Amino acid sequence: MEFKVLYEELANSTEMIRALLSGVTQEEARVKPNAESWSMLEVTCHLYDEEREDFREHLDFILNRQNEEWHRIDTEGWVMERKYNEQNFHAMKEKFFAERKKSLEWLKGLSNADWNKTYTTPYGPRSAGVIFASWIAHDNLTVRQLVELRRHRIENIAKPYDIQYAGDW
């Protein structure tokens, strides 16, 4: 695994996420394209919780705290339980980016990490390398999700004009 390259990917995706969340109002952030979709606000709250309670936490757990019990996360349940779509969009963005900054600083200190170190979670064995690589892949999924939400926002802002001339989506 090329830690340095993956670290840079995480840093770069942070800036992509920052750009994709910029210029969006509170009301726009709450819009869902359909009942099954998440809003930009829900995605932002999800990112914040994942940053604090999943990726960094579980990676630290595997590398440094194996005597502790793996804690479960409930990404789907938290959307309603934590009332993501009722949160303050600006505040949640700031919270996420503050946590991401902590994560990037923490990751810089992992110069001699054992990426093969594993722990058997309730979902099966997971290595530190799997968690770290999945963190970067999760950011890519989030970028794709936010691009789709921005496209939906543009469609709404452009009304009554059709944006099909741009090409197939």
N, C-alpha and C. Protein backbone atom coordinates (compact mmCIF):
# COMPACT_ATOMS: atom_id res chain seq x y z
N MET A 1 0.85 -1.18 0.00
CA MET A 1 0.00 0.00 0.00
C MET A 1 0.89 1.24 0.00
N GLU A 2 0.51 2.21 -0.78
CA GLU A 2 1.26 3.46 -0.86
C GLU A 2 0.57 4.51 0.01
N PHE A 3 0.96 4.53 1.29
CA PHE A 3 0.34 5.42 2.26
C PHE A 3 0.36 6.87 1.81
N LYS A 4 1.51 7.32 1.35
CA LYS A 4 1.67 8.74 0.98
C LYS A 4 0.68 9.14 -0.13
N VAL A 5 0.51 8.28 -1.12
CA VAL A 5 -0.41 8.57 -2.22
C VAL A 5 -1.86 8.57 -1.71
N LEU A 6 -2.20 7.59 -0.89
CA LEU A 6 -3.56 7.54 -0.35
C LEU A 6 -3.84 8.72 0.57
N TYR A 7 -2.85 9.12 1.34
CA TYR A 7 -2.99 10.29 2.20
C TYR A 7 -3.30 11.53 1.34
N GLU A 8 -2.56 11.69 0.26
CA GLU A 8 -2.80 12.83 -0.64
C GLU A 8 -4.19 12.75 -1.27
N GLU A 9 -4.64 11.54 -1.57
CA GLU A 9 -6.00 11.37 -2.10
C GLU A 9 -7.03 11.87 -1.09
N LEU A 10 -6.81 11.54 0.19
CA LEU A 10 -7.74 11.99 1.23
C LEU A 10 -7.70 13.51 1.36
N ALA A 11 -6.52 14.08 1.30
CA ALA A 11 -6.39 15.54 1.38
C ALA A 11 -7.06 16.20 0.17
N ASN A 12 -6.86 15.63 -1.01
CA ASN A 12 -7.48 16.19 -2.22
C ASN A 12 -8.99 16.05 -2.20
N SER A 13 -9.49 14.91 -1.76
CA SER A 13 -10.95 14.75 -1.73
C SER A 13 -11.58 15.69 -0.72
N THR A 14 -10.84 16.04 0.31
CA THR A 14 -11.33 17.02 1.28
C THR A 14 -11.62 18.34 0.58
N GLU A 15 -10.72 18.76 -0.29
CA GLU A 15 -10.92 20.01 -1.02
C GLU A 15 -12.02 19.89 -2.06
N MET A 16 -12.16 18.73 -2.67
CA MET A 16 -13.29 18.51 -3.60
C MET A 16 -14.61 18.63 -2.85
N ILE A 17 -14.69 18.02 -1.68
CA ILE A 17 -15.91 18.09 -0.88
C ILE A 17 -16.18 19.54 -0.48
N ARG A 18 -15.14 20.25 -0.08
CA ARG A 18 -15.30 21.66 0.29
C ARG A 18 -15.90 22.45 -0.88
N ALA A 19 -15.38 22.24 -2.07
CA ALA A 19 -15.89 22.95 -3.25
C ALA A 19 -17.33 22.54 -3.56
N LEU A 20 -17.65 21.28 -3.44
CA LEU A 20 -19.00 20.81 -3.75
C LEU A 20 -20.04 21.30 -2.75
N LEU A 21 -19.61 21.62 -1.55
CA LEU A 21 -20.54 22.13 -0.54
C LEU A 21 -20.61 23.66 -0.54
N SER A 22 -19.76 24.31 -1.28
CA SER A 22 -19.73 25.78 -1.26
C SER A 22 -20.88 26.37 -2.07
N GLY A 23 -21.28 27.56 -1.66
CA GLY A 23 -22.31 28.30 -2.38
C GLY A 23 -23.72 27.75 -2.23
N VAL A 24 -23.92 26.83 -1.33
CA VAL A 24 -25.23 26.19 -1.14
C VAL A 24 -25.88 26.79 0.11
N THR A 25 -27.14 27.18 -0.01
CA THR A 25 -27.86 27.75 1.13
C THR A 25 -28.40 26.63 2.02
N GLN A 26 -28.84 27.01 3.19
CA GLN A 26 -29.45 26.05 4.14
C GLN A 26 -30.62 25.32 3.48
N GLU A 27 -31.49 26.07 2.83
CA GLU A 27 -32.67 25.43 2.20
C GLU A 27 -32.27 24.53 1.04
N GLU A 28 -31.33 24.96 0.23
CA GLU A 28 -30.85 24.11 -0.87
C GLU A 28 -30.21 22.83 -0.32
N ALA A 29 -29.49 22.96 0.79
CA ALA A 29 -28.81 21.81 1.38
C ALA A 29 -29.80 20.77 1.89
N ARG A 30 -31.02 21.17 2.18
CA ARG A 30 -32.03 20.26 2.72
C ARG A 30 -32.82 19.51 1.64
N VAL A 31 -32.66 19.91 0.38
CA VAL A 31 -33.44 19.32 -0.72
C VAL A 31 -32.98 17.90 -1.02
N LYS A 32 -33.97 17.02 -1.18
CA LYS A 32 -33.70 15.63 -1.58
C LYS A 32 -34.31 15.43 -2.96
N PRO A 33 -33.54 14.89 -3.91
CA PRO A 33 -34.10 14.66 -5.25
C PRO A 33 -35.28 13.70 -5.25
N ASN A 34 -35.29 12.76 -4.32
CA ASN A 34 -36.43 11.84 -4.18
C ASN A 34 -36.41 11.29 -2.75
N ALA A 35 -37.42 10.51 -2.42
CA ALA A 35 -37.59 10.02 -1.05
C ALA A 35 -36.44 9.13 -0.59
N GLU A 36 -35.79 8.43 -1.53
CA GLU A 36 -34.71 7.51 -1.17
C GLU A 36 -33.35 8.21 -1.06
N SER A 37 -33.25 9.42 -1.57
CA SER A 37 -31.97 10.14 -1.60
C SER A 37 -31.70 10.84 -0.28
N TRP A 38 -30.43 11.15 -0.09
CA TRP A 38 -30.03 12.02 1.00
C TRP A 38 -29.86 13.42 0.45
N SER A 39 -30.04 14.40 1.31
CA SER A 39 -29.79 15.79 0.95
C SER A 39 -28.30 16.09 1.16
N MET A 40 -27.85 17.25 0.68
CA MET A 40 -26.47 17.66 0.93
C MET A 40 -26.22 17.81 2.44
N LEU A 41 -27.21 18.27 3.16
CA LEU A 41 -27.07 18.43 4.60
C LEU A 41 -26.91 17.06 5.26
N GLU A 42 -27.70 16.10 4.84
CA GLU A 42 -27.58 14.75 5.40
C GLU A 42 -26.21 14.13 5.07
N VAL A 43 -25.74 14.36 3.86
CA VAL A 43 -24.41 13.86 3.48
C VAL A 43 -23.34 14.50 4.36
N THR A 44 -23.47 15.79 4.61
CA THR A 44 -22.49 16.50 5.43
C THR A 44 -22.49 15.98 6.87
N CYS A 45 -23.67 15.77 7.43
CA CYS A 45 -23.77 15.22 8.78
C CYS A 45 -23.18 13.81 8.83
N HIS A 46 -23.45 13.04 7.80
CA HIS A 46 -22.90 11.69 7.70
C HIS A 46 -21.37 11.73 7.67
N LEU A 47 -20.82 12.63 6.88
CA LEU A 47 -19.36 12.78 6.82
C LEU A 47 -18.79 13.11 8.19
N TYR A 48 -19.43 14.01 8.89
CA TYR A 48 -18.98 14.41 10.22
C TYR A 48 -18.96 13.21 11.17
N ASP A 49 -20.05 12.46 11.19
CA ASP A 49 -20.13 11.30 12.08
C ASP A 49 -19.14 10.21 11.68
N GLU A 50 -18.99 9.98 10.39
CA GLU A 50 -18.03 8.98 9.92
C GLU A 50 -16.61 9.37 10.31
N GLU A 51 -16.31 10.65 10.22
CA GLU A 51 -14.97 11.13 10.54
C GLU A 51 -14.63 10.89 12.01
N ARG A 52 -15.61 11.11 12.88
CA ARG A 52 -15.38 10.97 14.32
C ARG A 52 -15.58 9.55 14.84
N GLU A 53 -16.56 8.86 14.31
CA GLU A 53 -16.98 7.61 14.92
C GLU A 53 -16.66 6.35 14.11
N ASP A 54 -16.16 6.51 12.92
CA ASP A 54 -15.87 5.33 12.12
C ASP A 54 -14.41 5.28 11.69
N PHE A 55 -14.07 5.89 10.60
CA PHE A 55 -12.77 5.65 9.99
C PHE A 55 -11.57 5.95 10.90
N ARG A 56 -11.45 7.16 11.38
CA ARG A 56 -10.30 7.50 12.23
C ARG A 56 -10.35 6.68 13.52
N GLU A 57 -11.51 6.60 14.11
CA GLU A 57 -11.69 5.87 15.36
C GLU A 57 -11.36 4.40 15.21
N HIS A 58 -11.89 3.77 14.18
CA HIS A 58 -11.65 2.34 13.99
C HIS A 58 -10.20 2.05 13.55
N LEU A 59 -9.63 2.93 12.78
CA LEU A 59 -8.23 2.74 12.40
C LEU A 59 -7.33 2.85 13.64
N ASP A 60 -7.58 3.83 14.47
CA ASP A 60 -6.82 3.96 15.72
C ASP A 60 -7.05 2.74 16.60
N PHE A 61 -8.26 2.27 16.63
CA PHE A 61 -8.60 1.08 17.42
C PHE A 61 -7.77 -0.12 16.97
N ILE A 62 -7.73 -0.38 15.67
CA ILE A 62 -6.97 -1.52 15.15
C ILE A 62 -5.48 -1.37 15.44
N LEU A 63 -4.96 -0.18 15.23
CA LEU A 63 -3.52 0.03 15.39
C LEU A 63 -3.07 0.12 16.85
N ASN A 64 -3.91 0.70 17.72
CA ASN A 64 -3.43 1.06 19.05
C ASN A 64 -4.28 0.60 20.23
N ARG A 65 -5.52 0.16 19.99
CA ARG A 65 -6.40 -0.09 21.14
C ARG A 65 -7.17 -1.41 20.99
N GLN A 66 -6.49 -2.45 20.65
CA GLN A 66 -7.15 -3.73 20.39
C GLN A 66 -7.77 -4.36 21.64
N ASN A 67 -7.43 -3.87 22.80
CA ASN A 67 -8.03 -4.40 24.02
C ASN A 67 -9.45 -3.88 24.24
N GLU A 68 -9.88 -2.93 23.43
CA GLU A 68 -11.23 -2.37 23.54
C GLU A 68 -12.19 -3.12 22.61
N GLU A 69 -13.46 -3.00 22.90
CA GLU A 69 -14.47 -3.65 22.07
C GLU A 69 -14.86 -2.74 20.90
N TRP A 70 -14.90 -3.34 19.72
CA TRP A 70 -15.28 -2.63 18.50
C TRP A 70 -16.69 -2.06 18.68
N HIS A 71 -16.86 -0.80 18.40
CA HIS A 71 -18.20 -0.23 18.53
C HIS A 71 -18.89 -0.20 17.17
N ARG A 72 -20.16 -0.42 17.21
CA ARG A 72 -20.96 -0.44 15.98
C ARG A 72 -21.33 0.98 15.57
N ILE A 73 -21.57 1.13 14.29
CA ILE A 73 -22.08 2.39 13.76
C ILE A 73 -23.40 2.08 13.06
N ASP A 74 -24.24 3.08 12.94
CA ASP A 74 -25.55 2.90 12.30
C ASP A 74 -25.78 4.06 11.33
N THR A 75 -25.07 4.02 10.21
CA THR A 75 -25.10 5.15 9.28
C THR A 75 -26.51 5.44 8.76
N GLU A 76 -27.28 4.41 8.49
CA GLU A 76 -28.65 4.63 7.99
C GLU A 76 -29.56 5.15 9.10
N GLY A 77 -29.46 4.55 10.28
CA GLY A 77 -30.32 4.94 11.40
C GLY A 77 -30.04 6.34 11.91
N TRP A 78 -28.77 6.75 11.87
CA TRP A 78 -28.41 8.06 12.38
C TRP A 78 -29.06 9.20 11.60
N VAL A 79 -29.39 8.97 10.35
CA VAL A 79 -29.99 10.03 9.53
C VAL A 79 -31.26 10.56 10.21
N MET A 80 -32.10 9.64 10.68
CA MET A 80 -33.34 10.04 11.35
C MET A 80 -33.11 10.29 12.84
N GLU A 81 -32.38 9.38 13.47
CA GLU A 81 -32.15 9.47 14.91
C GLU A 81 -31.48 10.79 15.30
N ARG A 82 -30.51 11.21 14.50
CA ARG A 82 -29.78 12.43 14.80
C ARG A 82 -30.32 13.64 14.05
N LYS A 83 -31.44 13.44 13.36
CA LYS A 83 -32.15 14.51 12.67
C LYS A 83 -31.22 15.32 11.77
N TYR A 84 -30.51 14.60 10.92
CA TYR A 84 -29.53 15.24 10.04
C TYR A 84 -30.11 16.41 9.25
N ASN A 85 -31.28 16.23 8.68
CA ASN A 85 -31.81 17.26 7.77
C ASN A 85 -32.35 18.49 8.51
N GLU A 86 -32.30 18.46 9.83
CA GLU A 86 -32.72 19.61 10.63
C GLU A 86 -31.53 20.39 11.18
N GLN A 87 -30.32 19.92 10.91
CA GLN A 87 -29.12 20.56 11.44
C GLN A 87 -28.78 21.84 10.66
N ASN A 88 -27.89 22.62 11.23
CA ASN A 88 -27.42 23.83 10.58
C ASN A 88 -26.32 23.45 9.59
N PHE A 89 -26.57 23.69 8.31
CA PHE A 89 -25.65 23.29 7.25
C PHE A 89 -24.26 23.91 7.43
N HIS A 90 -24.23 25.22 7.65
CA HIS A 90 -22.94 25.91 7.80
C HIS A 90 -22.16 25.34 8.99
N ALA A 91 -22.83 25.14 10.11
CA ALA A 91 -22.17 24.61 11.30
C ALA A 91 -21.67 23.19 11.07
N MET A 92 -22.44 22.36 10.38
CA MET A 92 -22.03 20.98 10.12
C MET A 92 -20.83 20.93 9.17
N LYS A 93 -20.80 21.83 8.19
CA LYS A 93 -19.63 21.89 7.31
C LYS A 93 -18.38 22.21 8.14
N GLU A 94 -18.48 23.22 8.99
CA GLU A 94 -17.34 23.61 9.81
C GLU A 94 -16.89 22.46 10.71
N LYS A 95 -17.86 21.76 11.29
CA LYS A 95 -17.53 20.64 12.17
C LYS A 95 -16.82 19.52 11.39
N PHE A 96 -17.35 19.20 10.22
CA PHE A 96 -16.71 18.15 9.43
C PHE A 96 -15.28 18.54 9.07
N PHE A 97 -15.07 19.74 8.54
CA PHE A 97 -13.73 20.13 8.11
C PHE A 97 -12.76 20.25 9.29
N ALA A 98 -13.25 20.61 10.47
CA ALA A 98 -12.39 20.62 11.66
C ALA A 98 -11.97 19.19 12.02
N GLU A 99 -12.91 18.26 11.95
CA GLU A 99 -12.58 16.85 12.23
C GLU A 99 -11.64 16.28 11.17
N ARG A 100 -11.86 16.64 9.92
CA ARG A 100 -10.98 16.15 8.86
C ARG A 100 -9.56 16.67 9.06
N LYS A 101 -9.45 17.93 9.48
CA LYS A 101 -8.12 18.49 9.75
C LYS A 101 -7.43 17.68 10.84
N LYS A 102 -8.16 17.33 11.90
CA LYS A 102 -7.61 16.49 12.97
C LYS A 102 -7.17 15.14 12.41
N SER A 103 -7.99 14.57 11.53
CA SER A 103 -7.67 13.27 10.94
C SER A 103 -6.40 13.33 10.12
N LEU A 104 -6.28 14.35 9.29
CA LEU A 104 -5.09 14.47 8.45
C LEU A 104 -3.83 14.67 9.30
N GLU A 105 -3.94 15.45 10.36
CA GLU A 105 -2.81 15.64 11.26
C GLU A 105 -2.45 14.34 11.96
N TRP A 106 -3.47 13.61 12.42
CA TRP A 106 -3.26 12.33 13.10
C TRP A 106 -2.60 11.32 12.16
N LEU A 107 -3.09 11.27 10.93
CA LEU A 107 -2.55 10.32 9.95
C LEU A 107 -1.07 10.58 9.66
N LYS A 108 -0.66 11.85 9.67
CA LYS A 108 0.75 12.18 9.44
C LYS A 108 1.66 11.52 10.46
N GLY A 109 1.13 11.26 11.65
CA GLY A 109 1.92 10.65 12.71
C GLY A 109 2.02 9.13 12.62
N LEU A 110 1.44 8.54 11.59
CA LEU A 110 1.43 7.07 11.46
C LEU A 110 2.56 6.57 10.56
N SER A 111 3.73 7.10 10.73
CA SER A 111 4.84 6.76 9.83
C SER A 111 5.24 5.29 9.87
N ASN A 112 5.07 4.64 11.00
CA ASN A 112 5.47 3.23 11.10
C ASN A 112 4.28 2.31 11.37
N ALA A 113 3.14 2.65 10.85
CA ALA A 113 1.93 1.86 11.09
C ALA A 113 2.04 0.48 10.45
N ASP A 114 1.51 -0.52 11.15
CA ASP A 114 1.43 -1.88 10.63
C ASP A 114 0.08 -2.04 9.93
N TRP A 115 0.06 -1.84 8.63
CA TRP A 115 -1.18 -1.86 7.85
C TRP A 115 -1.78 -3.26 7.77
N ASN A 116 -1.01 -4.28 8.10
CA ASN A 116 -1.52 -5.66 8.08
C ASN A 116 -2.14 -6.06 9.41
N LYS A 117 -1.98 -5.23 10.42
CA LYS A 117 -2.55 -5.54 11.73
C LYS A 117 -4.06 -5.65 11.60
N THR A 118 -4.62 -6.73 12.14
CA THR A 118 -6.06 -6.98 11.98
C THR A 118 -6.76 -7.14 13.32
N TYR A 119 -8.06 -7.01 13.23
CA TYR A 119 -8.95 -7.25 14.37
C TYR A 119 -10.20 -7.90 13.80
N THR A 120 -10.74 -8.87 14.52
CA THR A 120 -11.97 -9.51 14.07
C THR A 120 -13.15 -8.72 14.62
N THR A 121 -13.80 -8.02 13.72
CA THR A 121 -14.96 -7.19 14.07
C THR A 121 -16.22 -8.06 13.98
N PRO A 122 -17.36 -7.53 14.37
CA PRO A 122 -18.61 -8.27 14.19
C PRO A 122 -18.91 -8.56 12.70
N TYR A 123 -18.20 -7.88 11.81
CA TYR A 123 -18.40 -8.04 10.37
C TYR A 123 -17.32 -8.89 9.73
N GLY A 124 -16.44 -9.44 10.56
CA GLY A 124 -15.33 -10.23 10.07
C GLY A 124 -14.02 -9.52 10.31
N PRO A 125 -12.90 -10.17 9.95
CA PRO A 125 -11.59 -9.55 10.19
C PRO A 125 -11.38 -8.33 9.29
N ARG A 126 -10.81 -7.29 9.89
CA ARG A 126 -10.48 -6.08 9.16
C ARG A 126 -9.05 -5.68 9.49
N SER A 127 -8.28 -5.35 8.48
CA SER A 127 -6.92 -4.87 8.71
C SER A 127 -6.93 -3.35 8.72
N ALA A 128 -5.87 -2.80 9.29
CA ALA A 128 -5.71 -1.34 9.28
C ALA A 128 -5.67 -0.82 7.85
N GLY A 129 -5.01 -1.55 6.96
CA GLY A 129 -4.94 -1.16 5.55
C GLY A 129 -6.30 -1.12 4.89
N VAL A 130 -7.15 -2.09 5.22
CA VAL A 130 -8.51 -2.11 4.66
C VAL A 130 -9.30 -0.89 5.11
N ILE A 131 -9.20 -0.57 6.39
CA ILE A 131 -9.94 0.59 6.91
C ILE A 131 -9.44 1.88 6.28
N PHE A 132 -8.11 2.03 6.19
CA PHE A 132 -7.56 3.26 5.60
C PHE A 132 -7.95 3.39 4.13
N ALA A 133 -7.78 2.33 3.35
CA ALA A 133 -8.14 2.39 1.93
C ALA A 133 -9.63 2.62 1.74
N SER A 134 -10.44 2.04 2.61
CA SER A 134 -11.89 2.23 2.53
C SER A 134 -12.29 3.67 2.85
N TRP A 135 -11.54 4.31 3.70
CA TRP A 135 -11.77 5.72 4.04
C TRP A 135 -11.66 6.58 2.79
N ILE A 136 -10.63 6.34 2.01
CA ILE A 136 -10.42 7.10 0.78
C ILE A 136 -11.51 6.77 -0.23
N ALA A 137 -11.85 5.49 -0.35
CA ALA A 137 -12.91 5.07 -1.27
C ALA A 137 -14.25 5.68 -0.86
N HIS A 138 -14.50 5.79 0.45
CA HIS A 138 -15.74 6.40 0.94
C HIS A 138 -15.81 7.87 0.51
N ASP A 139 -14.69 8.56 0.58
CA ASP A 139 -14.66 9.95 0.11
C ASP A 139 -15.02 10.03 -1.38
N ASN A 140 -14.53 9.09 -2.17
CA ASN A 140 -14.86 9.08 -3.59
C ASN A 140 -16.35 8.86 -3.81
N LEU A 141 -16.94 7.97 -3.05
CA LEU A 141 -18.40 7.77 -3.14
C LEU A 141 -19.14 9.05 -2.77
N THR A 142 -18.64 9.72 -1.75
CA THR A 142 -19.27 10.97 -1.31
C THR A 142 -19.16 12.05 -2.36
N VAL A 143 -18.01 12.17 -2.99
CA VAL A 143 -17.83 13.16 -4.06
C VAL A 143 -18.84 12.88 -5.17
N ARG A 144 -18.97 11.63 -5.57
CA ARG A 144 -19.94 11.27 -6.61
C ARG A 144 -21.36 11.66 -6.18
N GLN A 145 -21.71 11.35 -4.93
CA GLN A 145 -23.03 11.67 -4.41
C GLN A 145 -23.26 13.18 -4.42
N LEU A 146 -22.27 13.95 -4.02
CA LEU A 146 -22.42 15.41 -3.99
C LEU A 146 -22.49 16.00 -5.39
N VAL A 147 -21.77 15.43 -6.34
CA VAL A 147 -21.86 15.90 -7.73
C VAL A 147 -23.29 15.68 -8.24
N GLU A 148 -23.87 14.54 -7.93
CA GLU A 148 -25.25 14.27 -8.36
C GLU A 148 -26.22 15.24 -7.71
N LEU A 149 -26.01 15.56 -6.43
CA LEU A 149 -26.87 16.52 -5.75
C LEU A 149 -26.70 17.93 -6.31
N ARG A 150 -25.48 18.30 -6.67
CA ARG A 150 -25.27 19.61 -7.30
C ARG A 150 -25.94 19.67 -8.66
N ARG A 151 -25.89 18.57 -9.40
CA ARG A 151 -26.57 18.52 -10.71
C ARG A 151 -28.07 18.77 -10.52
N HIS A 152 -28.65 18.12 -9.52
CA HIS A 152 -30.08 18.32 -9.23
C HIS A 152 -30.34 19.79 -8.85
N ARG A 153 -29.45 20.38 -8.08
CA ARG A 153 -29.57 21.79 -7.70
C ARG A 153 -29.54 22.69 -8.93
N ILE A 154 -28.61 22.41 -9.85
CA ILE A 154 -28.51 23.20 -11.08
C ILE A 154 -29.78 23.08 -11.92
N GLU A 155 -30.32 21.87 -11.99
CA GLU A 155 -31.58 21.69 -12.72
C GLU A 155 -32.67 22.58 -12.15
N ASN A 156 -32.75 22.68 -10.83
CA ASN A 156 -33.76 23.51 -10.19
C ASN A 156 -33.50 25.00 -10.40
N ILE A 157 -32.25 25.40 -10.29
CA ILE A 157 -31.91 26.82 -10.46
C ILE A 157 -32.14 27.27 -11.90
N ALA A 158 -31.91 26.39 -12.87
CA ALA A 158 -32.01 26.73 -14.29
C ALA A 158 -33.45 26.79 -14.80
N LYS A 159 -34.41 26.29 -14.04
CA LYS A 159 -35.80 26.28 -14.52
C LYS A 159 -36.24 27.67 -14.91
N PRO A 160 -36.94 27.86 -15.98
CA PRO A 160 -37.64 26.85 -16.78
C PRO A 160 -36.78 26.26 -17.90
N TYR A 161 -35.50 26.54 -17.90
CA TYR A 161 -34.65 26.08 -18.99
C TYR A 161 -34.15 24.66 -18.74
N ASP A 162 -34.13 23.92 -19.80
CA ASP A 162 -33.69 22.53 -19.79
C ASP A 162 -32.17 22.49 -19.94
N ILE A 163 -31.52 21.57 -19.25
CA ILE A 163 -30.06 21.49 -19.34
C ILE A 163 -29.59 20.26 -20.12
N GLN A 164 -30.46 19.66 -20.89
CA GLN A 164 -30.11 18.47 -21.65
C GLN A 164 -29.02 18.71 -22.70
N TYR A 165 -28.90 19.95 -23.14
CA TYR A 165 -27.88 20.30 -24.11
C TYR A 165 -26.49 19.96 -23.59
N ALA A 166 -26.34 19.94 -22.25
CA ALA A 166 -25.06 19.63 -21.61
C ALA A 166 -24.60 18.20 -21.90
N GLY A 167 -25.54 17.32 -22.17
CA GLY A 167 -25.21 15.93 -22.41
C GLY A 167 -25.97 15.01 -21.46
N ASP A 168 -25.90 13.75 -21.77
CA ASP A 168 -26.60 12.75 -20.96
C ASP A 168 -25.98 12.65 -19.58
N TRP A 169 -26.81 12.48 -18.60
CA TRP A 169 -26.36 12.32 -17.23
C TRP A 169 -26.51 10.89 -16.91
